[in-house]
Amino acid sequence: MTAGLGWIITRQGESLSFSGIMKQVHSPLMGEALAMRSSFLKCKELGIRQIKCESDSRLLINSINNGNSLPQLYGVVADILCFWTGFDSISLGWILI
């Protein structure tokens, strides 16, 4: 299955939209995790040191915050946790939509 990924980075009152396509994505949850990983990479590339990341996936947010993911998300969550050391501050939150 192919997934379209999208995320928005807001800094200094300006919103920047990004998107991408990933192949071999087997669930919406994996698509959400891949989008979050991509957003962390883009923030690093842009030199953004403080991140507040929001997602409507409570399961993904809890997996990252608790450092224990579902087996299907292990590699992506591990990547996200590795990226944390490159930022001054990170806040993850679940949003109800």
PDB file of N, CA and C in Angstrom:
ATOM      1  N   MET A   1       0.839  -1.167   0.000  1.00  0.00           N
ATOM      2  CA  MET A   1       0.000   0.000   0.000  1.00  0.00           C
ATOM      3  C   MET A   1       0.897   1.248   0.000  1.00  0.00           C
ATOM      4  N   THR A   2       0.516   2.250  -0.725  1.00  0.00           N
ATOM      5  CA  THR A   2       1.243   3.515  -0.780  1.00  0.00           C
ATOM      6  C   THR A   2       0.539   4.522   0.133  1.00  0.00           C
ATOM      7  N   ALA A   3       1.315   5.314   0.852  1.00  0.00           N
ATOM      8  CA  ALA A   3       0.752   6.308   1.765  1.00  0.00           C
ATOM      9  C   ALA A   3       1.245   7.696   1.404  1.00  0.00           C
ATOM     10  N   GLY A   4       0.344   8.643   1.463  1.00  0.00           N
ATOM     11  CA  GLY A   4       0.718  10.042   1.330  1.00  0.00           C
ATOM     12  C   GLY A   4       0.984  10.599   2.717  1.00  0.00           C
ATOM     13  N   LEU A   5       2.120  11.223   2.900  1.00  0.00           N
ATOM     14  CA  LEU A   5       2.493  11.789   4.194  1.00  0.00           C
ATOM     15  C   LEU A   5       2.410  13.299   4.102  1.00  0.00           C
ATOM     16  N   GLY A   6       2.024  13.934   5.188  1.00  0.00           N
ATOM     17  CA  GLY A   6       1.992  15.384   5.215  1.00  0.00           C
ATOM     18  C   GLY A   6       2.202  15.901   6.622  1.00  0.00           C
ATOM     19  N   TRP A   7       2.847  17.063   6.715  1.00  0.00           N
ATOM     20  CA  TRP A   7       3.053  17.697   8.006  1.00  0.00           C
ATOM     21  C   TRP A   7       3.253  19.185   7.791  1.00  0.00           C
ATOM     22  N   ILE A   8       3.002  19.930   8.840  1.00  0.00           N
ATOM     23  CA  ILE A   8       3.142  21.389   8.805  1.00  0.00           C
ATOM     24  C   ILE A   8       4.101  21.792   9.908  1.00  0.00           C
ATOM     25  N   ILE A   9       5.042  22.649   9.553  1.00  0.00           N
ATOM     26  CA  ILE A   9       5.972  23.202  10.536  1.00  0.00           C
ATOM     27  C   ILE A   9       5.673  24.695  10.633  1.00  0.00           C
ATOM     28  N   THR A  10       5.418  25.148  11.851  1.00  0.00           N
ATOM     29  CA  THR A  10       5.151  26.565  12.083  1.00  0.00           C
ATOM     30  C   THR A  10       6.290  27.141  12.899  1.00  0.00           C
ATOM     31  N   ARG A  11       6.872  28.220  12.378  1.00  0.00           N
ATOM     32  CA  ARG A  11       7.921  28.923  13.129  1.00  0.00           C
ATOM     33  C   ARG A  11       7.836  30.400  12.812  1.00  0.00           C
ATOM     34  N   GLN A  12       7.982  31.191  13.844  1.00  0.00           N
ATOM     35  CA  GLN A  12       7.945  32.642  13.729  1.00  0.00           C
ATOM     36  C   GLN A  12       6.707  33.106  12.964  1.00  0.00           C
ATOM     37  N   GLY A  13       5.561  32.467  13.254  1.00  0.00           N
ATOM     38  CA  GLY A  13       4.303  32.857  12.649  1.00  0.00           C
ATOM     39  C   GLY A  13       4.106  32.417  11.213  1.00  0.00           C
ATOM     40  N   GLU A  14       5.056  31.701  10.649  1.00  0.00           N
ATOM     41  CA  GLU A  14       4.967  31.235   9.267  1.00  0.00           C
ATOM     42  C   GLU A  14       4.736  29.727   9.253  1.00  0.00           C
ATOM     43  N   SER A  15       3.773  29.283   8.457  1.00  0.00           N
ATOM     44  CA  SER A  15       3.498  27.853   8.327  1.00  0.00           C
ATOM     45  C   SER A  15       4.085  27.325   7.027  1.00  0.00           C
ATOM     46  N   LEU A  16       4.838  26.252   7.152  1.00  0.00           N
ATOM     47  CA  LEU A  16       5.453  25.591   6.003  1.00  0.00           C
ATOM     48  C   LEU A  16       4.842  24.201   5.875  1.00  0.00           C
ATOM     49  N   SER A  17       4.300  23.869   4.707  1.00  0.00           N
ATOM     50  CA  SER A  17       3.672  22.569   4.478  1.00  0.00           C
ATOM     51  C   SER A  17       4.628  21.666   3.706  1.00  0.00           C
ATOM     52  N   PHE A  18       4.670  20.403   4.118  1.00  0.00           N
ATOM     53  CA  PHE A  18       5.521  19.415   3.476  1.00  0.00           C
ATOM     54  C   PHE A  18       4.718  18.148   3.224  1.00  0.00           C
ATOM     55  N   SER A  19       5.139  17.397   2.221  1.00  0.00           N
ATOM     56  CA  SER A  19       4.460  16.142   1.925  1.00  0.00           C
ATOM     57  C   SER A  19       5.443  15.165   1.287  1.00  0.00           C
ATOM     58  N   GLY A  20       5.046  13.929   1.257  1.00  0.00           N
ATOM     59  CA  GLY A  20       5.854  12.900   0.639  1.00  0.00           C
ATOM     60  C   GLY A  20       5.023  11.659   0.395  1.00  0.00           C
ATOM     61  N   ILE A  21       5.568  10.740  -0.335  1.00  0.00           N
ATOM     62  CA  ILE A  21       4.901   9.471  -0.625  1.00  0.00           C
ATOM     63  C   ILE A  21       5.836   8.341  -0.206  1.00  0.00           C
ATOM     64  N   MET A  22       5.282   7.362   0.461  1.00  0.00           N
ATOM     65  CA  MET A  22       6.049   6.192   0.884  1.00  0.00           C
ATOM     66  C   MET A  22       5.340   4.943   0.369  1.00  0.00           C
ATOM     67  N   LYS A  23       6.106   4.006  -0.133  1.00  0.00           N
ATOM     68  CA  LYS A  23       5.549   2.726  -0.580  1.00  0.00           C
ATOM     69  C   LYS A  23       5.727   1.686   0.518  1.00  0.00           C
ATOM     70  N   GLN A  24       4.957   0.646   0.428  1.00  0.00           N
ATOM     71  CA  GLN A  24       5.012  -0.477   1.370  1.00  0.00           C
ATOM     72  C   GLN A  24       4.645  -0.058   2.798  1.00  0.00           C
ATOM     73  N   VAL A  25       3.653   0.800   2.924  1.00  0.00           N
ATOM     74  CA  VAL A  25       3.141   1.210   4.240  1.00  0.00           C
ATOM     75  C   VAL A  25       1.915   0.344   4.514  1.00  0.00           C
ATOM     76  N   HIS A  26       1.960  -0.429   5.590  1.00  0.00           N
ATOM     77  CA  HIS A  26       0.949  -1.451   5.808  1.00  0.00           C
ATOM     78  C   HIS A  26      -0.203  -1.051   6.728  1.00  0.00           C
ATOM     79  N   SER A  27      -0.158   0.170   7.272  1.00  0.00           N
ATOM     80  CA  SER A  27      -1.271   0.590   8.127  1.00  0.00           C
ATOM     81  C   SER A  27      -1.286   2.110   8.242  1.00  0.00           C
ATOM     82  N   PRO A  28      -2.449   2.678   8.550  1.00  0.00           N
ATOM     83  CA  PRO A  28      -2.512   4.122   8.789  1.00  0.00           C
ATOM     84  C   PRO A  28      -1.609   4.555   9.947  1.00  0.00           C
ATOM     85  N   LEU A  29      -1.496   3.703  10.965  1.00  0.00           N
ATOM     86  CA  LEU A  29      -0.631   4.009  12.105  1.00  0.00           C
ATOM     87  C   LEU A  29       0.830   4.129  11.664  1.00  0.00           C
ATOM     88  N   MET A  30       1.268   3.241  10.791  1.00  0.00           N
ATOM     89  CA  MET A  30       2.627   3.318  10.277  1.00  0.00           C
ATOM     90  C   MET A  30       2.800   4.594   9.453  1.00  0.00           C
ATOM     91  N   GLY A  31       1.795   4.958   8.670  1.00  0.00           N
ATOM     92  CA  GLY A  31       1.859   6.195   7.899  1.00  0.00           C
ATOM     93  C   GLY A  31       2.013   7.412   8.802  1.00  0.00           C
ATOM     94  N   GLU A  32       1.289   7.422   9.904  1.00  0.00           N
ATOM     95  CA  GLU A  32       1.391   8.514  10.878  1.00  0.00           C
ATOM     96  C   GLU A  32       2.793   8.569  11.488  1.00  0.00           C
ATOM     97  N   ALA A  33       3.335   7.404  11.824  1.00  0.00           N
ATOM     98  CA  ALA A  33       4.682   7.345  12.403  1.00  0.00           C
ATOM     99  C   ALA A  33       5.735   7.816  11.402  1.00  0.00           C
ATOM    100  N   LEU A  34       5.596   7.420  10.152  1.00  0.00           N
ATOM    101  CA  LEU A  34       6.548   7.846   9.126  1.00  0.00           C
ATOM    102  C   LEU A  34       6.473   9.349   8.886  1.00  0.00           C
ATOM    103  N   ALA A  35       5.273   9.912   8.931  1.00  0.00           N
ATOM    104  CA  ALA A  35       5.120  11.366   8.785  1.00  0.00           C
ATOM    105  C   ALA A  35       5.806  12.088   9.939  1.00  0.00           C
ATOM    106  N   MET A  36       5.657  11.559  11.158  1.00  0.00           N
ATOM    107  CA  MET A  36       6.304  12.187  12.308  1.00  0.00           C
ATOM    108  C   MET A  36       7.820  12.111  12.181  1.00  0.00           C
ATOM    109  N   ARG A  37       8.322  10.955  11.772  1.00  0.00           N
ATOM    110  CA  ARG A  37       9.765  10.818  11.581  1.00  0.00           C
ATOM    111  C   ARG A  37      10.264  11.807  10.524  1.00  0.00           C
ATOM    112  N   SER A  38       9.527  11.950   9.446  1.00  0.00           N
ATOM    113  CA  SER A  38       9.898  12.899   8.392  1.00  0.00           C
ATOM    114  C   SER A  38       9.888  14.333   8.906  1.00  0.00           C
ATOM    115  N   SER A  39       8.931  14.656   9.764  1.00  0.00           N
ATOM    116  CA  SER A  39       8.873  16.016  10.308  1.00  0.00           C
ATOM    117  C   SER A  39      10.072  16.307  11.211  1.00  0.00           C
ATOM    118  N   PHE A  40      10.513  15.306  11.972  1.00  0.00           N
ATOM    119  CA  PHE A  40      11.700  15.486  12.815  1.00  0.00           C
ATOM    120  C   PHE A  40      12.938  15.723  11.952  1.00  0.00           C
ATOM    121  N   LEU A  41      13.052  14.948  10.874  1.00  0.00           N
ATOM    122  CA  LEU A  41      14.190  15.126   9.971  1.00  0.00           C
ATOM    123  C   LEU A  41      14.182  16.507   9.330  1.00  0.00           C
ATOM    124  N   LYS A  42      12.998  16.989   8.935  1.00  0.00           N
ATOM    125  CA  LYS A  42      12.893  18.308   8.311  1.00  0.00           C
ATOM    126  C   LYS A  42      13.232  19.403   9.318  1.00  0.00           C
ATOM    127  N   CYS A  43      12.792  19.263  10.551  1.00  0.00           N
ATOM    128  CA  CYS A  43      13.130  20.248  11.582  1.00  0.00           C
ATOM    129  C   CYS A  43      14.639  20.303  11.788  1.00  0.00           C
ATOM    130  N   LYS A  44      15.258  19.148  11.816  1.00  0.00           N
ATOM    131  CA  LYS A  44      16.714  19.089  11.967  1.00  0.00           C
ATOM    132  C   LYS A  44      17.391  19.794  10.790  1.00  0.00           C
ATOM    133  N   GLU A  45      16.902  19.528   9.593  1.00  0.00           N
ATOM    134  CA  GLU A  45      17.451  20.141   8.381  1.00  0.00           C
ATOM    135  C   GLU A  45      17.300  21.663   8.401  1.00  0.00           C
ATOM    136  N   LEU A  46      16.181  22.148   8.949  1.00  0.00           N
ATOM    137  CA  LEU A  46      15.912  23.588   9.006  1.00  0.00           C
ATOM    138  C   LEU A  46      16.566  24.277  10.205  1.00  0.00           C
ATOM    139  N   GLY A  47      17.211  23.492  11.062  1.00  0.00           N
ATOM    140  CA  GLY A  47      17.876  24.071  12.230  1.00  0.00           C
ATOM    141  C   GLY A  47      16.937  24.422  13.368  1.00  0.00           C
ATOM    142  N   ILE A  48      15.762  23.835  13.371  1.00  0.00           N
ATOM    143  CA  ILE A  48      14.795  24.077  14.447  1.00  0.00           C
ATOM    144  C   ILE A  48      15.207  23.225  15.645  1.00  0.00           C
ATOM    145  N   ARG A  49      15.374  23.858  16.801  1.00  0.00           N
ATOM    146  CA  ARG A  49      15.899  23.162  17.984  1.00  0.00           C
ATOM    147  C   ARG A  49      14.828  22.828  19.024  1.00  0.00           C
ATOM    148  N   GLN A  50      13.661  23.476  18.930  1.00  0.00           N
ATOM    149  CA  GLN A  50      12.574  23.212  19.870  1.00  0.00           C
ATOM    150  C   GLN A  50      11.347  22.765  19.080  1.00  0.00           C
ATOM    151  N   ILE A  51      10.781  21.642  19.483  1.00  0.00           N
ATOM    152  CA  ILE A  51       9.671  21.049  18.742  1.00  0.00           C
ATOM    153  C   ILE A  51       8.491  20.794  19.668  1.00  0.00           C
ATOM    154  N   LYS A  52       7.318  21.149  19.165  1.00  0.00           N
ATOM    155  CA  LYS A  52       6.063  20.720  19.777  1.00  0.00           C
ATOM    156  C   LYS A  52       5.318  19.974  18.685  1.00  0.00           C
ATOM    157  N   CYS A  53       5.172  18.680  18.852  1.00  0.00           N
ATOM    158  CA  CYS A  53       4.578  17.828  17.836  1.00  0.00           C
ATOM    159  C   CYS A  53       3.231  17.318  18.337  1.00  0.00           C
ATOM    160  N   GLU A  54       2.215  17.455  17.489  1.00  0.00           N
ATOM    161  CA  GLU A  54       0.877  17.007  17.851  1.00  0.00           C
ATOM    162  C   GLU A  54       0.390  15.993  16.825  1.00  0.00           C
ATOM    163  N   SER A  55      -0.332  14.991  17.313  1.00  0.00           N
ATOM    164  CA  SER A  55      -0.861  13.942  16.453  1.00  0.00           C
ATOM    165  C   SER A  55      -2.225  13.507  16.972  1.00  0.00           C
ATOM    166  N   ASP A  56      -3.063  13.032  16.060  1.00  0.00           N
ATOM    167  CA  ASP A  56      -4.348  12.487  16.486  1.00  0.00           C
ATOM    168  C   ASP A  56      -4.252  10.992  16.801  1.00  0.00           C
ATOM    169  N   SER A  57      -3.045  10.453  16.772  1.00  0.00           N
ATOM    170  CA  SER A  57      -2.835   9.043  17.095  1.00  0.00           C
ATOM    171  C   SER A  57      -2.318   8.905  18.528  1.00  0.00           C
ATOM    172  N   ARG A  58      -3.231   8.643  19.433  1.00  0.00           N
ATOM    173  CA  ARG A  58      -2.853   8.470  20.841  1.00  0.00           C
ATOM    174  C   ARG A  58      -1.881   7.305  21.003  1.00  0.00           C
ATOM    175  N   LEU A  59      -2.092   6.234  20.241  1.00  0.00           N
ATOM    176  CA  LEU A  59      -1.224   5.062  20.327  1.00  0.00           C
ATOM    177  C   LEU A  59       0.214   5.415  19.944  1.00  0.00           C
ATOM    178  N   LEU A  60       0.395   6.196  18.890  1.00  0.00           N
ATOM    179  CA  LEU A  60       1.739   6.602  18.473  1.00  0.00           C
ATOM    180  C   LEU A  60       2.393   7.502  19.519  1.00  0.00           C
ATOM    181  N   ILE A  61       1.669   8.497  19.995  1.00  0.00           N
ATOM    182  CA  ILE A  61       2.216   9.419  21.006  1.00  0.00           C
ATOM    183  C   ILE A  61       2.616   8.652  22.259  1.00  0.00           C
ATOM    184  N   ASN A  62       1.754   7.756  22.713  1.00  0.00           N
ATOM    185  CA  ASN A  62       2.081   6.969  23.916  1.00  0.00           C
ATOM    186  C   ASN A  62       3.286   6.063  23.683  1.00  0.00           C
ATOM    187  N   SER A  63       3.381   5.471  22.492  1.00  0.00           N
ATOM    188  CA  SER A  63       4.520   4.602  22.185  1.00  0.00           C
ATOM    189  C   SER A  63       5.831   5.377  22.271  1.00  0.00           C
ATOM    190  N   ILE A  64       5.836   6.577  21.732  1.00  0.00           N
ATOM    191  CA  ILE A  64       7.060   7.387  21.743  1.00  0.00           C
ATOM    192  C   ILE A  64       7.352   7.894  23.150  1.00  0.00           C
ATOM    193  N   ASN A  65       6.342   8.447  23.815  1.00  0.00           N
ATOM    194  CA  ASN A  65       6.549   8.986  25.166  1.00  0.00           C
ATOM    195  C   ASN A  65       6.993   7.920  26.152  1.00  0.00           C
ATOM    196  N   ASN A  66       6.484   6.698  26.001  1.00  0.00           N
ATOM    197  CA  ASN A  66       6.828   5.617  26.929  1.00  0.00           C
ATOM    198  C   ASN A  66       8.048   4.816  26.473  1.00  0.00           C
ATOM    199  N   GLY A  67       8.494   5.050  25.243  1.00  0.00           N
ATOM    200  CA  GLY A  67       9.669   4.344  24.739  1.00  0.00           C
ATOM    201  C   GLY A  67       9.445   2.877  24.452  1.00  0.00           C
ATOM    202  N   ASN A  68       8.179   2.482  24.340  1.00  0.00           N
ATOM    203  CA  ASN A  68       7.880   1.085  24.003  1.00  0.00           C
ATOM    204  C   ASN A  68       6.830   1.058  22.904  1.00  0.00           C
ATOM    205  N   SER A  69       7.203   0.532  21.774  1.00  0.00           N
ATOM    206  CA  SER A  69       6.281   0.578  20.644  1.00  0.00           C
ATOM    207  C   SER A  69       5.758  -0.804  20.305  1.00  0.00           C
ATOM    208  N   LEU A  70       4.728  -0.793  19.498  1.00  0.00           N
ATOM    209  CA  LEU A  70       4.228  -2.038  18.933  1.00  0.00           C
ATOM    210  C   LEU A  70       5.301  -2.598  18.012  1.00  0.00           C
ATOM    211  N   PRO A  71       5.367  -3.912  17.872  1.00  0.00           N
ATOM    212  CA  PRO A  71       6.392  -4.495  17.001  1.00  0.00           C
ATOM    213  C   PRO A  71       6.411  -3.906  15.596  1.00  0.00           C
ATOM    214  N   GLN A  72       5.243  -3.608  15.026  1.00  0.00           N
ATOM    215  CA  GLN A  72       5.185  -3.066  13.664  1.00  0.00           C
ATOM    216  C   GLN A  72       5.775  -1.665  13.558  1.00  0.00           C
ATOM    217  N   LEU A  73       5.879  -0.953  14.668  1.00  0.00           N
ATOM    218  CA  LEU A  73       6.401   0.421  14.663  1.00  0.00           C
ATOM    219  C   LEU A  73       7.804   0.528  15.226  1.00  0.00           C
ATOM    220  N   TYR A  74       8.376  -0.578  15.657  1.00  0.00           N
ATOM    221  CA  TYR A  74       9.619  -0.529  16.418  1.00  0.00           C
ATOM    222  C   TYR A  74      10.714   0.300  15.747  1.00  0.00           C
ATOM    223  N   GLY A  75      11.009   0.038  14.490  1.00  0.00           N
ATOM    224  CA  GLY A  75      12.101   0.740  13.816  1.00  0.00           C
ATOM    225  C   GLY A  75      11.864   2.227  13.688  1.00  0.00           C
ATOM    226  N   VAL A  76      10.636   2.614  13.358  1.00  0.00           N
ATOM    227  CA  VAL A  76      10.325   4.040  13.180  1.00  0.00           C
ATOM    228  C   VAL A  76      10.350   4.763  14.525  1.00  0.00           C
ATOM    229  N   VAL A  77       9.771   4.163  15.548  1.00  0.00           N
ATOM    230  CA  VAL A  77       9.798   4.777  16.885  1.00  0.00           C
ATOM    231  C   VAL A  77      11.238   4.862  17.391  1.00  0.00           C
ATOM    232  N   ALA A  78      12.040   3.841  17.153  1.00  0.00           N
ATOM    233  CA  ALA A  78      13.452   3.881  17.556  1.00  0.00           C
ATOM    234  C   ALA A  78      14.177   5.026  16.853  1.00  0.00           C
ATOM    235  N   ASP A  79      13.889   5.230  15.566  1.00  0.00           N
ATOM    236  CA  ASP A  79      14.482   6.360  14.832  1.00  0.00           C
ATOM    237  C   ASP A  79      14.105   7.689  15.480  1.00  0.00           C
ATOM    238  N   ILE A  80      12.822   7.850  15.772  1.00  0.00           N
ATOM    239  CA  ILE A  80      12.340   9.097  16.379  1.00  0.00           C
ATOM    240  C   ILE A  80      13.044   9.340  17.705  1.00  0.00           C
ATOM    241  N   LEU A  81      13.143   8.315  18.528  1.00  0.00           N
ATOM    242  CA  LEU A  81      13.807   8.472  19.832  1.00  0.00           C
ATOM    243  C   LEU A  81      15.287   8.816  19.673  1.00  0.00           C
ATOM    244  N   CYS A  82      15.931   8.291  18.648  1.00  0.00           N
ATOM    245  CA  CYS A  82      17.339   8.628  18.387  1.00  0.00           C
ATOM    246  C   CYS A  82      17.495  10.093  17.988  1.00  0.00           C
ATOM    247  N   PHE A  83      16.517  10.630  17.290  1.00  0.00           N
ATOM    248  CA  PHE A  83      16.586  12.027  16.853  1.00  0.00           C
ATOM    249  C   PHE A  83      16.480  12.999  18.030  1.00  0.00           C
ATOM    250  N   TRP A  84      15.904  12.572  19.146  1.00  0.00           N
ATOM    251  CA  TRP A  84      15.656  13.464  20.274  1.00  0.00           C
ATOM    252  C   TRP A  84      16.920  14.156  20.754  1.00  0.00           C
ATOM    253  N   THR A  85      18.040  13.476  20.675  1.00  0.00           N
ATOM    254  CA  THR A  85      19.274  14.053  21.204  1.00  0.00           C
ATOM    255  C   THR A  85      19.722  15.287  20.432  1.00  0.00           C
ATOM    256  N   GLY A  86      19.228  15.482  19.224  1.00  0.00           N
ATOM    257  CA  GLY A  86      19.616  16.629  18.411  1.00  0.00           C
ATOM    258  C   GLY A  86      18.791  17.879  18.658  1.00  0.00           C
ATOM    259  N   PHE A  87      17.855  17.830  19.601  1.00  0.00           N
ATOM    260  CA  PHE A  87      16.980  18.971  19.855  1.00  0.00           C
ATOM    261  C   PHE A  87      17.098  19.439  21.300  1.00  0.00           C
ATOM    262  N   ASP A  88      16.854  20.722  21.501  1.00  0.00           N
ATOM    263  CA  ASP A  88      16.909  21.287  22.856  1.00  0.00           C
ATOM    264  C   ASP A  88      15.687  20.890  23.668  1.00  0.00           C
ATOM    265  N   SER A  89      14.528  20.849  23.015  1.00  0.00           N
ATOM    266  CA  SER A  89      13.305  20.513  23.721  1.00  0.00           C
ATOM    267  C   SER A  89      12.295  19.916  22.759  1.00  0.00           C
ATOM    268  N   ILE A  90      11.610  18.874  23.228  1.00  0.00           N
ATOM    269  CA  ILE A  90      10.587  18.202  22.424  1.00  0.00           C
ATOM    270  C   ILE A  90       9.381  17.952  23.308  1.00  0.00           C
ATOM    271  N   SER A  91       8.224  18.297  22.779  1.00  0.00           N
ATOM    272  CA  SER A  91       6.969  18.040  23.455  1.00  0.00           C
ATOM    273  C   SER A  91       6.057  17.318  22.470  1.00  0.00           C
ATOM    274  N   LEU A  92       5.519  16.186  22.887  1.00  0.00           N
ATOM    275  CA  LEU A  92       4.578  15.445  22.059  1.00  0.00           C
ATOM    276  C   LEU A  92       3.213  15.470  22.710  1.00  0.00           C
ATOM    277  N   GLY A  93       2.178  15.694  21.921  1.00  0.00           N
ATOM    278  CA  GLY A  93       0.853  15.741  22.473  1.00  0.00           C
ATOM    279  C   GLY A  93      -0.180  15.098  21.552  1.00  0.00           C
ATOM    280  N   TRP A  94      -1.198  14.530  22.173  1.00  0.00           N
ATOM    281  CA  TRP A  94      -2.306  13.939  21.443  1.00  0.00           C
ATOM    282  C   TRP A  94      -3.392  14.979  21.308  1.00  0.00           C
ATOM    283  N   ILE A  95      -3.939  15.084  20.109  1.00  0.00           N
ATOM    284  CA  ILE A  95      -5.040  16.022  19.885  1.00  0.00           C
ATOM    285  C   ILE A  95      -6.271  15.249  19.420  1.00  0.00           C
ATOM    286  N   LEU A  96      -7.399  15.634  19.904  1.00  0.00           N
ATOM    287  CA  LEU A  96      -8.657  15.034  19.503  1.00  0.00           C
ATOM    288  C   LEU A  96      -9.189  15.802  18.313  1.00  0.00           C
ATOM    289  N   ILE A  97      -9.455  15.080  17.228  1.00  0.00           N
ATOM    290  CA  ILE A  97     -10.027  15.779  16.064  1.00  0.00           C
ATOM    291  C   ILE A  97     -11.423  15.280  15.773  1.00  0.00           C
TER     292      ILE A  97
END
